[in-house]
């Protein structure tokens, strides 16, 4: 159970690369599998948002105001610091 709690704590802190691992005979393996599927789905979505934001930022750097570019860069950094993907 300690490992299960630590895995959940890491995911809760934004580590979307973390997987819940239990022994095959543990009663909660189905729950662990569901949590891993949920985390993988979140990882994919956050990575997609981060990638799109990076693409938008590249496009705007050529024509946008410095203020808008700064805001986009801050958003990109917040996503990177909030999630391990």
C-alpha atoms as a PDB file:
ATOM      1  CA  UNK A   1       0.000   0.000   0.000  1.00  0.00           C
ATOM      2  CA  UNK A   2       2.855   2.392   0.714  1.00  0.00           C
ATOM      3  CA  UNK A   3       4.083   2.179  -2.891  1.00  0.00           C
ATOM      4  CA  UNK A   4       0.503   2.687  -4.147  1.00  0.00           C
ATOM      5  CA  UNK A   5       0.148   5.837  -2.040  1.00  0.00           C
ATOM      6  CA  UNK A   6       3.537   7.159  -3.203  1.00  0.00           C
ATOM      7  CA  UNK A   7       2.615   6.551  -6.846  1.00  0.00           C
ATOM      8  CA  UNK A   8      -0.665   8.439  -6.383  1.00  0.00           C
ATOM      9  CA  UNK A   9       1.136  11.261  -4.613  1.00  0.00           C
ATOM     10  CA  UNK A  10       3.593  11.606  -7.512  1.00  0.00           C
ATOM     11  CA  UNK A  11       0.763  11.634 -10.053  1.00  0.00           C
ATOM     12  CA  UNK A  12      -1.058  14.214  -7.946  1.00  0.00           C
ATOM     13  CA  UNK A  13       2.041  16.421  -8.086  1.00  0.00           C
ATOM     14  CA  UNK A  14       1.904  16.347 -11.891  1.00  0.00           C
ATOM     15  CA  UNK A  15       4.188  13.434 -12.782  1.00  0.00           C
ATOM     16  CA  UNK A  16       2.175  11.995 -15.641  1.00  0.00           C
ATOM     17  CA  UNK A  17       4.979   9.567 -16.477  1.00  0.00           C
ATOM     18  CA  UNK A  18       4.438   7.724 -13.187  1.00  0.00           C
ATOM     19  CA  UNK A  19       2.658   4.375 -13.256  1.00  0.00           C
ATOM     20  CA  UNK A  20       0.978   2.649 -10.362  1.00  0.00           C
ATOM     21  CA  UNK A  21       2.627  -0.719  -9.860  1.00  0.00           C
ATOM     22  CA  UNK A  22       1.287  -3.489  -7.692  1.00  0.00           C
ATOM     23  CA  UNK A  23       2.056  -7.157  -7.366  1.00  0.00           C
ATOM     24  CA  UNK A  24      -0.092  -9.386  -9.571  1.00  0.00           C
ATOM     25  CA  UNK A  25      -1.865 -10.914  -6.572  1.00  0.00           C
ATOM     26  CA  UNK A  26      -2.851  -7.585  -5.003  1.00  0.00           C
ATOM     27  CA  UNK A  27      -6.570  -6.955  -4.755  1.00  0.00           C
ATOM     28  CA  UNK A  28      -6.333  -3.487  -6.269  1.00  0.00           C
ATOM     29  CA  UNK A  29      -4.641  -4.350  -9.569  1.00  0.00           C
ATOM     30  CA  UNK A  30      -7.812  -3.484 -11.525  1.00  0.00           C
ATOM     31  CA  UNK A  31      -7.879  -0.064  -9.868  1.00  0.00           C
ATOM     32  CA  UNK A  32      -4.182   0.413 -10.604  1.00  0.00           C
ATOM     33  CA  UNK A  33      -4.777  -0.466 -14.255  1.00  0.00           C
ATOM     34  CA  UNK A  34      -7.618   2.068 -14.446  1.00  0.00           C
ATOM     35  CA  UNK A  35      -5.492   4.756 -12.802  1.00  0.00           C
ATOM     36  CA  UNK A  36      -2.666   4.055 -15.230  1.00  0.00           C
ATOM     37  CA  UNK A  37      -5.055   4.344 -18.172  1.00  0.00           C
ATOM     38  CA  UNK A  38      -6.382   7.639 -16.797  1.00  0.00           C
ATOM     39  CA  UNK A  39      -2.863   8.981 -16.250  1.00  0.00           C
ATOM     40  CA  UNK A  40      -1.824   7.946 -19.768  1.00  0.00           C
ATOM     41  CA  UNK A  41      -4.861   9.760 -21.168  1.00  0.00           C
ATOM     42  CA  UNK A  42      -4.032  12.907 -19.202  1.00  0.00           C
ATOM     43  CA  UNK A  43      -0.412  12.664 -20.326  1.00  0.00           C
ATOM     44  CA  UNK A  44      -1.489  12.517 -23.957  1.00  0.00           C
ATOM     45  CA  UNK A  45      -3.846  15.495 -23.586  1.00  0.00           C
ATOM     46  CA  UNK A  46      -1.382  17.695 -21.702  1.00  0.00           C
ATOM     47  CA  UNK A  47       1.361  16.849 -24.191  1.00  0.00           C
ATOM     48  CA  UNK A  48      -1.020  17.783 -27.021  1.00  0.00           C
ATOM     49  CA  UNK A  49      -1.814  21.133 -25.403  1.00  0.00           C
ATOM     50  CA  UNK A  50       1.862  21.800 -24.792  1.00  0.00           C
ATOM     51  CA  UNK A  51       2.754  20.943 -28.383  1.00  0.00           C
ATOM     52  CA  UNK A  52      -0.014  23.141 -29.792  1.00  0.00           C
ATOM     53  CA  UNK A  53       1.034  26.002 -27.550  1.00  0.00           C
ATOM     54  CA  UNK A  54       4.627  25.671 -28.734  1.00  0.00           C
ATOM     55  CA  UNK A  55       3.427  25.748 -32.360  1.00  0.00           C
ATOM     56  CA  UNK A  56       1.276  28.822 -31.718  1.00  0.00           C
ATOM     57  CA  UNK A  57       4.166  30.516 -29.972  1.00  0.00           C
ATOM     58  CA  UNK A  58       6.467  29.901 -32.945  1.00  0.00           C
ATOM     59  CA  UNK A  59       3.872  31.307 -35.335  1.00  0.00           C
ATOM     60  CA  UNK A  60       3.232  34.379 -33.209  1.00  0.00           C
ATOM     61  CA  UNK A  61       6.882  35.192 -32.568  1.00  0.00           C
ATOM     62  CA  UNK A  62       7.165  36.572 -36.074  1.00  0.00           C
ATOM     63  CA  UNK A  63       4.138  38.889 -35.996  1.00  0.00           C
ATOM     64  CA  UNK A  64       2.736  39.281 -32.490  1.00  0.00           C
ATOM     65  CA  UNK A  65       3.363  41.898 -29.871  1.00  0.00           C
ATOM     66  CA  UNK A  66       6.010  41.286 -27.222  1.00  0.00           C
ATOM     67  CA  UNK A  67       3.302  41.277 -24.540  1.00  0.00           C
ATOM     68  CA  UNK A  68       1.375  38.446 -26.202  1.00  0.00           C
ATOM     69  CA  UNK A  69       4.558  36.491 -26.822  1.00  0.00           C
ATOM     70  CA  UNK A  70       5.504  36.926 -23.158  1.00  0.00           C
ATOM     71  CA  UNK A  71       2.103  35.673 -22.013  1.00  0.00           C
ATOM     72  CA  UNK A  72       2.312  32.627 -24.269  1.00  0.00           C
ATOM     73  CA  UNK A  73       5.816  31.851 -23.022  1.00  0.00           C
ATOM     74  CA  UNK A  74       4.627  32.102 -19.412  1.00  0.00           C
ATOM     75  CA  UNK A  75       1.753  29.713 -20.124  1.00  0.00           C
ATOM     76  CA  UNK A  76       4.126  27.277 -21.809  1.00  0.00           C
ATOM     77  CA  UNK A  77       6.481  27.407 -18.800  1.00  0.00           C
ATOM     78  CA  UNK A  78       3.606  26.869 -16.360  1.00  0.00           C
ATOM     79  CA  UNK A  79       2.539  23.739 -18.208  1.00  0.00           C
ATOM     80  CA  UNK A  80       6.119  22.444 -18.288  1.00  0.00           C
ATOM     81  CA  UNK A  81       6.636  23.101 -14.574  1.00  0.00           C
ATOM     82  CA  UNK A  82       3.250  21.693 -13.521  1.00  0.00           C
ATOM     83  CA  UNK A  83       3.501  18.372 -15.346  1.00  0.00           C
ATOM     84  CA  UNK A  84       6.217  15.854 -15.974  1.00  0.00           C
ATOM     85  CA  UNK A  85       5.418  14.510 -19.433  1.00  0.00           C
END
